[in-house]
Protein backbone atom coordinates (compact mmCIF):
# COMPACT_ATOMS: atom_id res chain seq x y z
CA UNK A 1 -151.43 -80.30 -52.66
CA UNK A 2 -153.16 -83.32 -51.07
CA UNK A 3 -150.99 -86.38 -50.73
CA UNK A 4 -151.80 -89.75 -49.14
CA UNK A 5 -149.35 -92.30 -50.72
CA UNK A 6 -145.62 -92.06 -51.36
CA UNK A 7 -144.33 -91.89 -54.87
CA UNK A 8 -141.38 -94.14 -55.81
CA UNK A 9 -139.32 -90.94 -56.30
CA UNK A 10 -140.10 -89.76 -52.68
CA UNK A 11 -139.13 -93.25 -51.31
CA UNK A 12 -135.89 -93.03 -53.22
CA UNK A 13 -135.28 -89.50 -51.81
CA UNK A 14 -135.99 -90.69 -48.32
CA UNK A 15 -133.57 -93.64 -48.65
CA UNK A 16 -130.81 -91.30 -49.87
CA UNK A 17 -131.43 -88.51 -47.38
CA UNK A 18 -131.34 -90.33 -44.12
CA UNK A 19 -128.47 -91.92 -42.16
CA UNK A 20 -128.85 -95.69 -42.69
CA UNK A 21 -127.52 -96.73 -39.33
CA UNK A 22 -129.52 -94.42 -37.12
CA UNK A 23 -133.05 -94.51 -35.73
CA UNK A 24 -135.69 -92.53 -37.62
CA UNK A 25 -138.84 -91.00 -36.19
CA UNK A 26 -141.73 -90.69 -38.61
CA UNK A 27 -144.05 -87.68 -37.97
CA UNK A 28 -147.51 -88.45 -39.44
CA UNK A 29 -149.92 -85.62 -40.02
CA UNK A 30 -153.43 -86.88 -40.68
CA UNK A 31 -156.61 -85.34 -42.12
CA UNK A 32 -159.51 -87.80 -42.35
CA UNK A 33 -162.20 -88.02 -45.01
CA UNK A 34 -165.74 -87.54 -43.69
CA UNK A 35 -166.58 -90.97 -45.27
CA UNK A 36 -163.87 -93.57 -46.02
CA UNK A 37 -163.38 -94.00 -49.76
CA UNK A 38 -163.26 -97.73 -50.41
CA UNK A 39 -163.10 -98.98 -54.04
CA UNK A 40 -166.31 -100.32 -55.64
CA UNK A 41 -166.90 -103.92 -54.60
CA UNK A 42 -164.77 -103.61 -51.49
CA UNK A 43 -165.51 -106.09 -48.69
CA UNK A 44 -164.80 -103.33 -46.14
CA UNK A 45 -167.86 -102.06 -44.25
CA UNK A 46 -168.67 -98.38 -44.94
CA UNK A 47 -167.49 -96.02 -42.12
CA UNK A 48 -165.96 -92.64 -41.43
CA UNK A 49 -162.36 -91.88 -42.41
CA UNK A 50 -161.44 -91.78 -38.75
CA UNK A 51 -162.91 -95.27 -38.24
CA UNK A 52 -161.13 -96.63 -41.30
CA UNK A 53 -157.89 -95.24 -39.91
CA UNK A 54 -158.62 -96.85 -36.54
CA UNK A 55 -159.06 -100.18 -38.34
CA UNK A 56 -155.73 -99.64 -40.18
CA UNK A 57 -153.82 -98.64 -37.02
CA UNK A 58 -155.07 -101.69 -35.13
CA UNK A 59 -153.63 -103.99 -37.83
CA UNK A 60 -150.59 -101.89 -38.75
CA UNK A 61 -149.36 -101.76 -35.15
CA UNK A 62 -148.26 -105.45 -35.43
CA UNK A 63 -146.29 -104.65 -38.57
CA UNK A 64 -144.55 -101.64 -36.89
CA UNK A 65 -143.69 -103.79 -33.86
CA UNK A 66 -142.43 -106.63 -36.04
CA UNK A 67 -140.10 -104.15 -37.70
CA UNK A 68 -138.71 -103.09 -34.28
CA UNK A 69 -140.70 -99.87 -34.32
CA UNK A 70 -142.86 -98.33 -31.64
CA UNK A 71 -145.37 -95.52 -31.41
CA UNK A 72 -143.92 -92.66 -29.30
CA UNK A 73 -146.81 -90.20 -29.14
CA UNK A 74 -150.10 -89.46 -30.82
CA UNK A 75 -152.84 -86.89 -30.30
CA UNK A 76 -155.44 -84.56 -31.73
CA UNK A 77 -154.03 -81.47 -33.40
CA UNK A 78 -155.43 -78.61 -31.32
CA UNK A 79 -154.13 -75.57 -33.18
CA UNK A 80 -151.56 -74.51 -35.82
CA UNK A 81 -150.02 -71.30 -34.60
CA UNK A 82 -147.68 -71.13 -37.67
CA UNK A 83 -149.32 -72.54 -40.79
CA UNK A 84 -151.14 -71.34 -43.87
CA UNK A 85 -154.77 -70.28 -43.09
CA UNK A 86 -156.18 -73.19 -45.16
CA UNK A 87 -154.02 -75.89 -43.57
CA UNK A 88 -155.51 -78.12 -40.93
CA UNK A 89 -154.76 -81.54 -39.49
CA UNK A 90 -156.96 -83.82 -37.35
CA UNK A 91 -154.33 -85.98 -35.65
CA UNK A 92 -150.56 -86.46 -35.45
CA UNK A 93 -148.56 -89.51 -34.64
CA UNK A 94 -144.84 -90.09 -33.99
CA UNK A 95 -143.47 -93.53 -34.68
CA UNK A 96 -139.83 -94.55 -34.13
CA UNK A 97 -138.04 -97.21 -36.17
CA UNK A 98 -134.53 -98.56 -35.41
CA UNK A 99 -133.39 -97.60 -38.93
CA UNK A 100 -134.74 -96.31 -42.14
CA UNK A 101 -134.37 -99.86 -43.61
CA UNK A 102 -136.60 -101.19 -40.83
CA UNK A 103 -139.28 -98.69 -41.90
CA UNK A 104 -138.94 -99.60 -45.61
CA UNK A 105 -138.98 -103.29 -44.92
CA UNK A 106 -142.21 -102.84 -42.87
CA UNK A 107 -144.09 -100.82 -45.55
CA UNK A 108 -142.96 -103.37 -48.13
CA UNK A 109 -144.04 -106.44 -46.20
CA UNK A 110 -147.09 -108.46 -47.38
CA UNK A 111 -148.72 -108.00 -44.00
CA UNK A 112 -148.55 -104.24 -44.16
CA UNK A 113 -149.61 -104.12 -47.82
CA UNK A 114 -152.66 -106.15 -46.87
CA UNK A 115 -153.92 -103.33 -44.59
CA UNK A 116 -152.51 -100.18 -46.31
CA UNK A 117 -155.75 -99.81 -48.36
CA UNK A 118 -157.51 -98.80 -45.06
CA UNK A 119 -155.14 -95.90 -44.63
CA UNK A 120 -155.63 -94.76 -48.22
CA UNK A 121 -159.40 -94.98 -47.80
CA UNK A 122 -159.27 -93.09 -44.53
CA UNK A 123 -157.27 -90.08 -45.44
CA UNK A 124 -158.12 -86.90 -47.35
CA UNK A 125 -154.54 -85.64 -46.88
CA UNK A 126 -151.43 -86.55 -44.93
CA UNK A 127 -147.77 -85.82 -44.42
CA UNK A 128 -145.05 -88.34 -43.46
CA UNK A 129 -141.92 -86.56 -42.29
CA UNK A 130 -138.71 -88.45 -41.47
CA UNK A 131 -136.75 -87.06 -38.52
CA UNK A 132 -133.28 -88.07 -37.31
CA UNK A 133 -131.30 -86.79 -34.32
CA UNK A 134 -128.51 -84.32 -35.12
CA UNK A 135 -126.07 -83.31 -32.39
CA UNK A 136 -125.37 -80.01 -34.21
CA UNK A 137 -128.95 -78.77 -33.57
CA UNK A 138 -129.25 -76.53 -30.57
CA UNK A 139 -132.08 -74.43 -29.18
């Protein structure tokens, strides 16, 4: 199932599932539209989904940093050795926030909401996965 935006239920599940006083790393899996899907009458110039996401990222970075967050790593997804045959992603991004609350405040800020439409227009599908360290996990 393709998903681009969080539902209120998923946000509530996120808030209840994470440790509130610990950093959280958000794993972003991104699949771009061939052409960005802006609503009719949009002032945004037509472009590819990848370009719309680049525009989003350039503006969203200030919001991430204002929340105390920082990008950790990003890159092109080269292969999926373990995945369904029909699953594919273009890029992935890891962003660390000092707490889940910092992330929630960021995505709720007026500054972020003003640019979030670029992300929605850019993406055909996405995943946002919250990760927190756990000392009990061992390889």
